[in-house]
N, C-alpha and C. Protein backbone atom coordinates (compact mmCIF):
# COMPACT_ATOMS: atom_id res chain seq x y z
N UNK A 1 0.90 -1.21 -0.14
CA UNK A 1 0.16 -0.28 -0.32
C UNK A 1 1.03 1.23 -0.05
N UNK A 2 0.49 1.72 -1.23
CA UNK A 2 1.44 3.21 -1.31
C UNK A 2 1.06 4.15 -0.24
N UNK A 3 1.90 4.86 0.34
CA UNK A 3 1.52 5.64 1.08
C UNK A 3 1.49 7.38 0.51
N UNK A 4 0.15 8.10 0.38
CA UNK A 4 0.02 9.71 -0.38
C UNK A 4 1.18 10.65 -0.25
N UNK A 5 1.09 11.67 -0.71
CA UNK A 5 1.66 12.34 -1.06
C UNK A 5 1.67 13.39 0.29
N UNK A 6 0.40 13.87 0.65
CA UNK A 6 0.32 14.17 1.96
C UNK A 6 0.31 13.55 3.62
N UNK A 7 0.99 11.95 3.09
CA UNK A 7 1.73 11.24 4.00
C UNK A 7 2.48 11.27 4.35
N UNK A 8 3.20 10.76 3.33
CA UNK A 8 4.91 11.43 2.66
C UNK A 8 5.45 13.57 4.30
N UNK A 9 4.60 13.88 3.11
CA UNK A 9 4.49 15.72 4.04
C UNK A 9 4.52 15.18 5.47
N UNK A 10 3.63 14.53 6.29
CA UNK A 10 3.66 14.56 6.81
C UNK A 10 4.93 13.47 7.20
N UNK A 11 5.23 12.80 7.73
CA UNK A 11 6.40 12.16 7.77
C UNK A 11 7.46 13.34 7.73
N UNK A 12 7.57 13.78 6.65
CA UNK A 12 8.63 15.14 6.53
C UNK A 12 8.67 15.71 7.52
N UNK A 13 7.12 17.03 7.73
CA UNK A 13 6.87 18.05 9.31
C UNK A 13 7.12 16.73 10.44
N UNK A 14 6.90 15.96 10.15
CA UNK A 14 7.26 15.39 11.68
C UNK A 14 8.49 15.25 11.89
N UNK A 15 9.53 14.51 11.23
CA UNK A 15 11.24 14.31 11.53
C UNK A 15 12.14 15.40 11.55
N UNK A 16 11.17 16.84 10.84
CA UNK A 16 11.46 18.45 10.55
C UNK A 16 11.68 18.58 12.05
N UNK A 17 10.56 18.59 12.78
CA UNK A 17 9.90 18.99 14.35
C UNK A 17 10.66 17.99 14.85
N UNK A 18 10.88 16.79 14.77
CA UNK A 18 11.57 16.16 16.07
C UNK A 18 12.96 16.35 15.93
N UNK A 19 13.44 17.88 14.81
CA UNK A 19 15.21 18.26 15.06
C UNK A 19 15.73 18.10 14.23
N UNK A 20 14.82 16.44 12.82
CA UNK A 20 15.64 16.50 11.60
C UNK A 20 15.81 18.27 10.44
N UNK A 21 16.96 18.87 10.58
CA UNK A 21 16.79 19.91 10.20
C UNK A 21 17.79 19.95 8.18
N UNK A 22 18.43 18.76 8.12
CA UNK A 22 18.95 18.18 7.01
C UNK A 22 17.86 18.06 6.25
N UNK A 23 17.78 18.58 5.22
CA UNK A 23 16.78 17.68 4.29
C UNK A 23 17.13 16.56 3.39
N UNK A 24 18.62 16.45 3.27
CA UNK A 24 18.64 15.51 3.06
C UNK A 24 19.08 13.78 3.53
N UNK A 25 19.11 14.57 4.69
CA UNK A 25 18.63 13.33 6.39
C UNK A 25 18.40 12.73 5.97
N UNK A 26 17.18 13.74 6.46
CA UNK A 26 15.08 13.58 6.15
C UNK A 26 14.61 12.86 5.19
N UNK A 27 14.85 13.17 3.99
CA UNK A 27 14.93 12.15 2.63
C UNK A 27 15.52 10.81 2.79
N UNK A 28 16.32 10.45 3.74
CA UNK A 28 16.97 9.35 4.09
C UNK A 28 15.88 8.25 4.65
N UNK A 29 15.54 9.26 5.69
CA UNK A 29 15.40 8.06 7.07
C UNK A 29 13.69 8.56 6.28
N UNK A 30 12.97 9.84 5.68
CA UNK A 30 11.36 9.26 5.54
C UNK A 30 11.34 8.27 4.50
N UNK A 31 12.72 7.76 3.47
CA UNK A 31 12.80 6.04 2.53
C UNK A 31 12.84 5.43 3.35
N UNK A 32 12.86 5.01 4.95
CA UNK A 32 12.94 4.52 5.33
C UNK A 32 11.60 4.12 6.38
N UNK A 33 11.23 5.61 6.72
CA UNK A 33 9.96 4.89 7.63
C UNK A 33 8.96 4.82 6.77
N UNK A 34 9.12 5.24 5.68
CA UNK A 34 7.16 5.00 4.91
C UNK A 34 7.16 3.35 4.14
N UNK A 35 8.62 3.06 3.55
CA UNK A 35 8.54 2.00 3.70
C UNK A 35 7.59 0.25 5.11
N UNK A 36 8.38 0.92 6.28
CA UNK A 36 8.29 0.58 7.10
C UNK A 36 6.59 0.73 7.02
N UNK A 37 6.42 1.96 7.06
CA UNK A 37 4.94 1.93 8.44
C UNK A 37 4.10 1.54 6.76
N UNK A 38 4.31 1.91 5.45
CA UNK A 38 3.42 0.82 4.15
C UNK A 38 3.52 -0.92 4.60
N UNK A 39 4.20 -1.08 4.87
CA UNK A 39 4.07 -2.80 5.96
C UNK A 39 3.70 -3.30 6.59
N UNK A 40 3.85 -1.85 7.49
CA UNK A 40 3.00 -2.30 8.58
C UNK A 40 1.19 -2.07 8.97
N UNK A 41 1.21 -0.97 7.39
CA UNK A 41 -0.26 -0.50 6.95
C UNK A 41 -1.69 -1.83 6.33
N UNK A 42 -0.32 -3.02 5.97
CA UNK A 42 -0.38 -4.07 4.80
C UNK A 42 -0.46 -5.25 6.60
N UNK A 43 0.52 -5.83 6.84
CA UNK A 43 0.17 -6.90 7.63
C UNK A 43 -0.91 -6.32 9.30
N UNK A 44 -0.50 -5.62 9.45
CA UNK A 44 -1.92 -4.80 10.99
C UNK A 44 -2.85 -4.05 10.48
N UNK A 45 -3.07 -4.16 9.19
CA UNK A 45 -4.43 -3.90 8.32
C UNK A 45 -4.72 -2.08 9.28
N UNK A 46 -3.93 -1.23 9.82
CA UNK A 46 -4.25 0.11 10.07
C UNK A 46 -4.22 0.77 9.02
N UNK A 47 -5.28 1.60 8.99
CA UNK A 47 -4.80 3.31 8.43
C UNK A 47 -3.31 3.64 8.61
N UNK A 48 -3.35 4.96 7.97
CA UNK A 48 -1.79 5.63 8.07
C UNK A 48 -1.57 5.89 9.67
N UNK A 49 -2.52 6.42 9.46
CA UNK A 49 -1.93 7.53 11.46
C UNK A 49 -1.68 6.46 12.45
N UNK A 50 -2.35 4.98 12.43
CA UNK A 50 -2.35 4.67 13.34
C UNK A 50 -0.67 3.84 12.98
N UNK A 51 -0.34 3.39 12.45
CA UNK A 51 0.99 2.88 11.55
C UNK A 51 1.86 3.73 12.24
N UNK A 52 1.51 4.87 12.02
CA UNK A 52 3.26 5.64 11.47
C UNK A 52 2.87 5.87 13.38
N UNK A 53 1.83 6.30 13.63
CA UNK A 53 2.01 6.78 15.64
C UNK A 53 2.41 5.39 16.29
N UNK A 54 2.24 3.46 16.09
CA UNK A 54 2.97 2.60 15.99
C UNK A 54 4.68 2.85 16.32
N UNK A 55 4.73 2.88 14.74
CA UNK A 55 6.22 2.51 14.40
C UNK A 55 7.22 3.49 14.64
N UNK A 56 6.41 4.79 15.03
CA UNK A 56 7.36 5.86 15.70
C UNK A 56 7.56 5.92 17.01
N UNK A 57 6.50 4.73 18.13
CA UNK A 57 6.93 4.71 19.40
C UNK A 57 8.25 4.74 19.74
N UNK A 58 7.64 3.07 18.54
CA UNK A 58 9.15 1.96 18.81
C UNK A 58 10.31 2.34 18.31
N UNK A 59 10.62 3.68 17.26
CA UNK A 59 11.69 3.20 16.89
C UNK A 59 11.91 4.49 16.12
N UNK A 60 11.68 6.05 17.45
CA UNK A 60 12.04 7.32 17.32
C UNK A 60 13.28 7.23 17.80
N UNK A 61 13.57 7.09 19.14
CA UNK A 61 15.47 6.94 19.30
C UNK A 61 15.46 6.64 18.47
N UNK A 62 15.77 5.93 17.75
CA UNK A 62 16.87 5.24 17.02
C UNK A 62 17.25 6.05 15.62
N UNK A 63 15.90 7.03 15.01
CA UNK A 63 16.09 8.03 14.75
C UNK A 63 17.01 8.94 14.71
N UNK A 64 16.56 9.73 16.02
CA UNK A 64 17.22 10.58 16.31
C UNK A 64 19.04 10.09 16.64
N UNK A 65 19.45 9.01 17.59
CA UNK A 65 20.50 8.15 17.44
C UNK A 65 21.28 9.02 15.65
N UNK A 66 20.35 8.67 15.00
CA UNK A 66 21.11 8.12 13.03
C UNK A 66 20.31 9.69 13.13
N UNK A 67 19.90 10.42 12.97
CA UNK A 67 20.45 12.11 12.80
C UNK A 67 21.69 12.64 13.24
N UNK A 68 21.97 12.29 14.21
CA UNK A 68 23.41 12.96 15.46
C UNK A 68 24.36 11.91 14.65
N UNK A 69 24.48 10.70 14.20
CA UNK A 69 25.86 9.72 13.53
C UNK A 69 25.56 11.06 11.99
N UNK A 70 24.39 10.95 11.36
CA UNK A 70 24.74 11.62 9.55
C UNK A 70 24.96 12.90 10.63
N UNK A 71 24.79 13.61 10.74
CA UNK A 71 25.33 15.32 11.56
C UNK A 71 27.16 15.07 11.52
N UNK A 72 27.51 13.96 11.93
CA UNK A 72 28.85 13.63 12.15
C UNK A 72 29.17 13.42 10.97
N UNK A 73 28.62 12.35 10.71
CA UNK A 73 29.50 12.24 8.89
C UNK A 73 29.81 12.74 8.66
N UNK A 74 28.61 13.74 8.49
CA UNK A 74 29.12 15.28 7.23
C UNK A 74 30.07 16.18 8.37
N UNK A 75 29.79 16.69 8.71
CA UNK A 75 30.96 17.06 9.80
C UNK A 75 32.46 16.72 9.37
N UNK A 76 32.54 15.26 9.61
CA UNK A 76 33.35 14.59 7.98
C UNK A 76 34.08 14.55 6.78
N UNK A 77 32.74 14.39 6.32
CA UNK A 77 32.84 14.32 4.89
C UNK A 77 33.85 15.64 4.00
N UNK A 78 32.24 16.85 4.84
CA UNK A 78 32.34 18.40 4.22
C UNK A 78 34.65 18.39 5.02
N UNK A 79 34.60 18.27 5.91
CA UNK A 79 36.69 18.63 6.16
C UNK A 79 37.15 17.79 4.67
N UNK A 80 37.28 16.67 4.14
CA UNK A 80 37.00 15.74 3.58
C UNK A 80 37.54 16.91 2.32
N UNK A 81 35.94 16.90 1.69
CA UNK A 81 36.19 17.69 0.14
C UNK A 81 36.82 19.35 0.05
N UNK A 82 36.77 19.66 1.57
CA UNK A 82 37.82 21.36 1.61
C UNK A 82 39.05 20.77 1.47
N UNK A 83 39.70 19.99 1.57
CA UNK A 83 40.66 18.93 1.60
C UNK A 83 41.20 18.64 0.51
N UNK A 84 40.63 17.89 -0.33
CA UNK A 84 41.13 17.73 -1.57
C UNK A 84 40.81 18.82 -2.40
N UNK A 85 39.97 19.52 -1.97
CA UNK A 85 39.84 21.05 -3.19
C UNK A 85 40.65 21.50 -3.35
N UNK A 86 41.78 21.51 -2.10
CA UNK A 86 43.29 22.75 -2.52
C UNK A 86 44.48 21.99 -2.92
N UNK A 87 44.02 20.30 -4.27
CA UNK A 87 44.98 20.12 -4.31
C UNK A 87 44.68 19.97 -5.99
N UNK A 88 43.13 20.15 -6.58
CA UNK A 88 42.54 19.96 -7.39
C UNK A 88 43.23 21.15 -8.49
N UNK A 89 42.80 20.94 -10.25
CA UNK A 89 44.14 21.59 -10.61
C UNK A 89 43.10 23.13 -11.25
N UNK A 90 41.82 22.71 -10.74
CA UNK A 90 41.75 24.58 -10.65
C UNK A 90 41.98 25.18 -9.94
N UNK A 91 41.84 24.69 -8.08
CA UNK A 91 42.73 25.16 -7.23
C UNK A 91 44.16 25.80 -7.48
N UNK A 92 45.16 25.12 -7.83
CA UNK A 92 46.05 25.39 -8.34
C UNK A 92 46.43 26.56 -9.11
N UNK A 93 45.55 26.85 -10.69
CA UNK A 93 45.44 27.15 -11.36
C UNK A 93 44.84 28.49 -10.85
N UNK A 94 43.75 28.62 -10.19
CA UNK A 94 43.48 29.54 -8.93
C UNK A 94 44.75 30.47 -8.19
N UNK A 95 44.90 29.37 -7.60
CA UNK A 95 46.17 30.70 -6.22
C UNK A 95 47.40 30.90 -8.01
N UNK A 96 47.89 30.40 -8.57
CA UNK A 96 48.68 31.16 -9.69
C UNK A 96 48.57 32.13 -10.36
N UNK A 97 47.11 32.68 -10.43
CA UNK A 97 46.70 33.18 -10.96
C UNK A 97 46.88 34.55 -10.31
N UNK A 98 46.56 33.97 -9.19
CA UNK A 98 45.74 35.36 -8.69
C UNK A 98 47.01 35.64 -8.04
N UNK A 99 48.54 34.92 -7.35
CA UNK A 99 49.83 35.00 -6.93
C UNK A 99 50.55 36.18 -8.46
N UNK A 100 50.12 36.17 -9.54
CA UNK A 100 50.69 36.46 -10.34
C UNK A 100 50.33 37.84 -10.45
N UNK A 101 48.71 37.76 -10.38
CA UNK A 101 48.08 39.35 -9.98
C UNK A 101 48.60 40.48 -9.21
N UNK A 102 48.78 39.75 -7.96
CA UNK A 102 49.25 41.02 -6.95
C UNK A 102 50.91 41.20 -7.44
N UNK A 103 51.81 39.57 -7.60
CA UNK A 103 53.26 39.97 -8.51
C UNK A 103 53.24 41.09 -9.29
N UNK A 104 52.36 40.95 -10.57
CA UNK A 104 52.49 41.26 -11.28
C UNK A 104 52.23 43.92 -10.17
N UNK A 105 50.64 43.24 -10.10
CA UNK A 105 50.74 45.10 -9.09
C UNK A 105 51.63 45.37 -9.28
N UNK A 106 52.31 45.30 -8.09
CA UNK A 106 53.75 46.02 -7.16
C UNK A 106 54.75 45.59 -8.29
N UNK A 107 54.55 45.57 -8.92
CA UNK A 107 55.72 45.37 -10.03
C UNK A 107 55.15 46.48 -11.39
N UNK A 108 54.31 46.93 -11.89
CA UNK A 108 53.18 48.29 -12.89
C UNK A 108 53.54 49.37 -12.07
N UNK A 109 52.92 48.99 -10.95
CA UNK A 109 52.34 50.55 -9.50
C UNK A 109 53.54 50.16 -8.49
N UNK A 110 54.25 51.14 -8.40
CA UNK A 110 55.14 50.59 -7.08
C UNK A 110 55.13 51.25 -6.08
N UNK A 111 53.77 52.09 -5.86
CA UNK A 111 53.09 52.35 -4.17
C UNK A 111 51.98 51.60 -3.83
N UNK A 112 51.43 50.48 -4.95
CA UNK A 112 49.87 50.39 -5.11
C UNK A 112 50.24 49.83 -3.31
N UNK A 113 48.81 49.25 -2.84
CA UNK A 113 48.14 49.13 -1.65
C UNK A 113 47.93 47.59 -2.05
N UNK A 114 48.26 46.85 -1.53
CA UNK A 114 47.88 45.12 -1.78
C UNK A 114 47.23 45.36 -1.00
N UNK A 115 47.94 46.17 -0.01
CA UNK A 115 47.47 45.05 1.30
C UNK A 115 45.94 45.38 1.32
N UNK A 116 45.40 46.94 1.13
CA UNK A 116 43.81 46.91 1.37
C UNK A 116 43.09 46.08 0.07
N UNK A 117 43.97 46.52 -1.80
CA UNK A 117 43.18 45.08 -2.09
C UNK A 117 43.12 43.50 -1.67
N UNK A 118 43.26 43.41 -0.94
CA UNK A 118 43.52 41.97 -0.09
C UNK A 118 42.54 42.48 -0.05
N UNK A 119 41.65 42.54 0.98
CA UNK A 119 40.53 43.52 2.02
C UNK A 119 39.97 43.15 1.15
N UNK A 120 39.58 43.87 0.20
CA UNK A 120 38.61 43.96 -0.51
C UNK A 120 38.13 42.92 -0.96
N UNK A 121 39.61 42.28 -1.56
CA UNK A 121 39.61 40.63 -2.23
C UNK A 121 38.50 39.78 -1.32
N UNK A 122 38.60 39.71 -0.09
CA UNK A 122 38.08 38.90 0.90
C UNK A 122 37.24 39.22 1.20
N UNK A 123 36.76 40.22 1.32
CA UNK A 123 35.48 40.88 1.83
C UNK A 123 34.07 40.26 0.91
N UNK A 124 34.61 40.99 -0.52
CA UNK A 124 34.02 39.86 -1.99
C UNK A 124 33.53 38.68 -2.09
N UNK A 125 34.80 37.92 -2.10
CA UNK A 125 34.39 36.42 -1.78
C UNK A 125 34.31 35.73 -0.37
N UNK A 126 34.03 36.56 0.59
CA UNK A 126 34.58 36.02 1.70
C UNK A 126 32.69 35.77 2.55
N UNK A 127 32.15 37.37 2.15
CA UNK A 127 31.36 37.63 2.94
C UNK A 127 29.94 36.40 2.70
N UNK A 128 29.74 36.37 0.76
CA UNK A 128 29.01 36.12 0.19
C UNK A 128 28.24 34.62 1.34
N UNK A 129 29.57 34.09 1.02
CA UNK A 129 30.08 32.23 1.86
C UNK A 129 29.66 31.97 3.32
N UNK A 130 30.28 33.26 4.25
CA UNK A 130 29.89 33.37 5.52
C UNK A 130 28.29 33.68 5.65
N UNK A 131 27.85 34.84 4.71
CA UNK A 131 26.99 35.74 4.81
C UNK A 131 25.02 33.84 4.88
N UNK A 132 26.05 33.60 2.87
CA UNK A 132 24.88 32.42 2.63
C UNK A 132 24.49 31.65 4.48
N UNK A 133 26.24 31.35 4.43
CA UNK A 133 25.91 30.35 6.37
C UNK A 133 24.83 30.49 7.18
N UNK A 134 25.25 32.19 6.90
CA UNK A 134 24.01 32.31 9.06
C UNK A 134 22.86 31.98 8.20
N UNK A 135 22.61 33.28 7.48
CA UNK A 135 21.10 32.50 6.41
C UNK A 135 20.12 31.46 6.45
N UNK A 136 21.38 30.27 6.11
CA UNK A 136 20.73 29.16 6.25
C UNK A 136 20.79 28.99 7.86
N UNK A 137 21.59 29.37 8.75
CA UNK A 137 22.06 28.52 9.59
C UNK A 137 20.83 29.17 10.72
N UNK A 138 20.00 30.63 10.86
CA UNK A 138 19.13 31.04 11.21
C UNK A 138 17.65 31.10 10.83
N UNK A 139 17.54 30.53 9.64
CA UNK A 139 16.13 30.82 9.09
C UNK A 139 15.01 29.69 8.67
N UNK A 140 14.54 28.98 7.99
CA UNK A 140 14.06 27.73 8.00
C UNK A 140 13.69 27.55 6.93
N UNK A 141 14.88 28.00 6.25
CA UNK A 141 14.73 27.10 4.49
C UNK A 141 15.39 26.09 5.18
N UNK A 142 15.22 25.08 3.27
CA UNK A 142 16.33 23.98 3.61
C UNK A 142 17.44 24.05 3.63
N UNK A 143 18.21 22.78 4.65
CA UNK A 143 19.68 23.14 4.61
C UNK A 143 20.04 21.98 3.92
N UNK A 144 20.90 21.36 3.79
CA UNK A 144 21.68 20.38 3.01
C UNK A 144 23.10 19.83 3.45
N UNK A 145 23.52 19.10 4.11
CA UNK A 145 23.89 18.23 5.71
C UNK A 145 26.49 19.07 5.27
N UNK A 146 25.96 17.73 4.41
CA UNK A 146 27.71 18.19 3.59
C UNK A 146 27.50 19.97 2.85
N UNK A 147 27.17 20.31 1.66
CA UNK A 147 26.53 21.77 1.26
C UNK A 147 27.40 22.75 2.48
N UNK A 148 25.96 22.88 3.40
CA UNK A 148 25.73 23.84 4.66
C UNK A 148 27.13 23.77 5.88
N UNK A 149 28.03 22.47 5.99
CA UNK A 149 28.88 22.08 6.62
C UNK A 149 30.19 22.66 6.45
N UNK A 150 30.30 22.33 4.94
CA UNK A 150 31.75 23.56 4.43
C UNK A 150 31.55 24.74 4.49
N UNK A 151 30.33 25.63 4.16
CA UNK A 151 30.32 26.82 4.20
C UNK A 151 30.73 27.17 5.57
N UNK A 152 30.27 25.65 6.84
CA UNK A 152 30.95 26.24 8.53
C UNK A 152 32.29 26.46 8.73
N UNK A 153 32.48 24.87 8.65
CA UNK A 153 33.73 24.80 8.33
C UNK A 153 35.28 25.78 7.53
N UNK A 154 34.24 26.81 6.96
CA UNK A 154 35.24 27.31 5.87
C UNK A 154 35.30 28.18 6.70
N UNK A 155 34.56 29.74 6.73
CA UNK A 155 34.02 30.18 7.95
C UNK A 155 35.36 30.63 8.49
N UNK A 156 34.48 28.74 9.86
CA UNK A 156 35.66 29.05 10.90
C UNK A 156 37.34 29.15 10.14
N UNK A 157 37.75 28.13 9.77
CA UNK A 157 38.90 28.21 9.03
C UNK A 157 39.09 29.47 8.46
N UNK A 158 38.51 30.80 8.12
CA UNK A 158 39.06 31.62 7.07
C UNK A 158 39.06 32.64 8.79
N UNK A 159 38.43 32.70 9.48
CA UNK A 159 37.88 33.67 10.59
C UNK A 159 39.58 33.01 11.46
N UNK A 160 40.37 33.02 11.54
CA UNK A 160 41.07 32.52 12.68
C UNK A 160 42.45 32.99 12.67
N UNK A 161 42.76 32.67 11.30
CA UNK A 161 44.44 32.98 10.68
C UNK A 161 44.27 34.93 9.70
N UNK A 162 43.15 35.28 9.13
CA UNK A 162 42.88 36.31 8.60
C UNK A 162 41.79 37.30 9.57
N UNK A 163 41.30 37.04 10.37
CA UNK A 163 40.84 38.07 10.98
C UNK A 163 41.19 38.05 13.24
N UNK A 164 41.78 37.05 13.21
CA UNK A 164 41.57 36.64 15.26
C UNK A 164 43.62 37.26 15.01
N UNK A 165 43.84 36.11 14.09
CA UNK A 165 45.47 36.58 14.35
C UNK A 165 46.73 37.05 13.32
N UNK A 166 45.68 37.18 12.49
CA UNK A 166 45.89 37.94 10.85
C UNK A 166 47.64 38.40 10.54
N UNK A 167 47.07 37.10 10.08
CA UNK A 167 48.41 35.91 10.04
C UNK A 167 48.95 37.34 8.78
N UNK A 168 48.45 37.60 7.92
CA UNK A 168 48.88 38.74 7.08
C UNK A 168 49.76 39.64 6.91
N UNK A 169 49.99 40.30 8.62
CA UNK A 169 50.65 41.22 9.63
C UNK A 169 52.08 40.84 10.12
N UNK A 170 52.51 39.51 10.01
CA UNK A 170 53.18 39.17 10.07
C UNK A 170 53.93 38.72 9.48
N UNK A 171 53.76 39.41 8.38
CA UNK A 171 54.84 38.06 6.62
C UNK A 171 55.55 39.43 6.69
N UNK A 172 57.12 39.41 6.50
CA UNK A 172 57.51 40.99 5.85
C UNK A 172 57.98 40.29 5.11
N UNK A 173 58.37 39.73 4.33
CA UNK A 173 58.25 39.14 2.54
C UNK A 173 57.69 38.72 1.72
N UNK A 174 56.80 39.26 0.69
CA UNK A 174 56.61 40.04 -0.79
C UNK A 174 56.21 38.39 -0.70
N UNK A 175 56.88 37.91 -0.99
CA UNK A 175 56.47 36.98 -1.47
C UNK A 175 55.36 35.53 -1.00
N UNK A 176 56.16 35.38 0.39
CA UNK A 176 55.32 35.28 1.06
C UNK A 176 53.77 35.26 1.52
N UNK A 177 53.55 36.66 1.67
CA UNK A 177 52.31 37.84 1.58
C UNK A 177 51.61 37.10 0.35
N UNK A 178 52.55 36.84 -0.82
CA UNK A 178 51.19 36.90 -1.71
C UNK A 178 51.11 35.55 -1.70
N UNK A 179 51.89 34.79 -1.62
CA UNK A 179 51.66 32.71 -1.10
C UNK A 179 50.70 32.90 -0.37
N UNK A 180 50.69 34.35 0.94
CA UNK A 180 49.24 33.97 1.97
C UNK A 180 48.28 34.01 1.26
N UNK A 181 48.42 35.09 0.26
CA UNK A 181 46.87 36.23 -0.17
C UNK A 181 46.14 35.05 -1.23
N UNK A 182 47.35 34.94 -2.10
CA UNK A 182 46.76 33.85 -2.83
C UNK A 182 45.28 32.13 -2.73
N UNK A 183 46.09 31.92 -1.26
CA UNK A 183 46.17 30.99 -0.59
C UNK A 183 44.68 30.74 -0.09
N UNK A 184 44.11 31.86 0.08
CA UNK A 184 42.90 32.52 1.47
C UNK A 184 42.23 33.06 -0.24
N UNK A 185 42.65 33.27 -0.66
CA UNK A 185 41.48 34.37 -1.75
C UNK A 185 40.81 33.10 -2.56
N UNK A 186 42.20 32.12 -3.20
CA UNK A 186 41.91 30.60 -3.96
C UNK A 186 40.85 29.80 -3.20
N UNK A 187 41.05 29.15 -1.87
CA UNK A 187 40.16 28.59 -0.77
C UNK A 187 38.59 28.87 -0.89
N UNK A 188 38.93 30.55 -0.44
CA UNK A 188 37.22 31.37 -1.23
C UNK A 188 36.49 30.82 -2.11
N UNK A 189 37.01 31.31 -3.44
CA UNK A 189 36.65 30.96 -4.77
C UNK A 189 35.96 29.30 -4.64
N UNK A 190 36.93 28.20 -4.16
CA UNK A 190 36.81 26.66 -4.93
C UNK A 190 35.98 26.62 -3.41
N UNK A 191 35.84 27.66 -2.54
CA UNK A 191 34.86 26.61 -1.42
C UNK A 191 33.36 27.19 -1.90
N UNK A 192 32.80 28.12 -2.02
CA UNK A 192 31.81 28.98 -2.66
C UNK A 192 31.41 27.71 -3.97
N UNK A 193 32.59 27.81 -4.44
CA UNK A 193 31.72 26.79 -6.19
C UNK A 193 31.62 25.34 -5.62
N UNK A 194 32.45 25.40 -4.92
CA UNK A 194 31.93 23.25 -4.50
C UNK A 194 30.50 23.70 -3.89
N UNK A 195 30.63 24.52 -2.75
CA UNK A 195 29.46 25.12 -2.49
C UNK A 195 27.36 25.20 -3.07
N UNK A 196 27.92 25.65 -4.29
CA UNK A 196 27.49 26.09 -5.37
C UNK A 196 26.76 24.47 -5.84
N UNK A 197 27.75 23.93 -6.25
CA UNK A 197 27.92 22.16 -7.03
C UNK A 197 27.32 21.93 -6.67
N UNK A 198 26.87 20.95 -5.09
CA UNK A 198 26.37 20.07 -3.96
C UNK A 198 24.90 20.43 -4.04
N UNK A 199 25.19 21.34 -4.08
CA UNK A 199 23.12 22.47 -4.17
C UNK A 199 22.89 21.97 -4.85
N UNK A 200 23.65 22.31 -6.13
CA UNK A 200 22.64 21.95 -7.06
C UNK A 200 22.33 20.70 -7.50
N UNK A 201 23.46 19.69 -6.80
CA UNK A 201 23.44 17.87 -7.38
C UNK A 201 22.30 17.58 -6.03
N UNK A 202 22.16 18.19 -4.92
CA UNK A 202 20.82 17.74 -4.04
C UNK A 202 20.15 18.08 -4.52
N UNK A 203 19.39 19.41 -4.81
CA UNK A 203 18.81 19.65 -5.63
C UNK A 203 18.05 19.00 -6.18
N UNK A 204 19.02 18.26 -7.36
CA UNK A 204 18.50 17.16 -8.77
C UNK A 204 17.71 15.96 -7.97
N UNK A 205 18.55 15.64 -6.72
CA UNK A 205 18.09 13.80 -6.20
C UNK A 205 17.22 14.44 -5.40
N UNK A 206 17.35 15.71 -4.70
CA UNK A 206 15.84 15.95 -4.17
C UNK A 206 14.74 15.92 -4.33
N UNK A 207 14.86 17.14 -5.89
CA UNK A 207 13.61 17.45 -6.84
C UNK A 207 12.68 18.50 -4.91
N UNK A 208 13.96 19.46 -4.34
CA UNK A 208 13.48 20.33 -3.94
C UNK A 208 12.66 21.75 -4.98
C-alpha cells in the first residue's frame, strides 16, 4: 500500500519538528520510515495514522540517534572535501593566477596598496559564503548537511588566521605574503564553487 503525497509530507514535517533539520538526512529517513509504515499498514491492516504512530513509538529514539551520526558524518565529509579541493587543478590554477596578479601589480605600480586590495577582495569573496551560512543557520529554509557544513567550516578556517591572528601582518617577505593572499582568496573561490555544485546536486536528487 503506497503512501499518499500528504502522508509523505506528514512524515517530513514530523522529522523536521523532531530536530532533523537537513533535507538530505530527512529524505533518507523518510524513505525508510515510509517503507516500514507501508508494510505495517498491510500486515496489521491499519490506517496510516495508527501505523505511523505505533512505528515511531518503537523507533523514534533510533532515528534521532541516526540523525546525530549523520550530522557527525556530514562534518567529516565536509572537511575531507575542503582538504581535497586544495589539490585540484582548478585551485592550483586559481592560486597561480592570484599570485601573478598581485606580483604584477607591485611591479607595475611602485606604491600600490596591495594590503587594502587583499582586504577588499577578501570581503567580496568571503562575505557571500559566510552570509549564506548565517542565513541558512538562522532561517527555516531547506538545509543540506555536507554543503552547509562546508560553509561553516570554511568560515571558521578563514576567520582565525585572517581576522583573529592576522597572519598577513606578521609576514614581511612580499613573496610569502602574496603566497598567503593566493591561498586565502583561492580557497574562498573554490569553497563557494564547491558549495554551489553540491547544492545543485542535492536539488536534482531530492527534487526540492
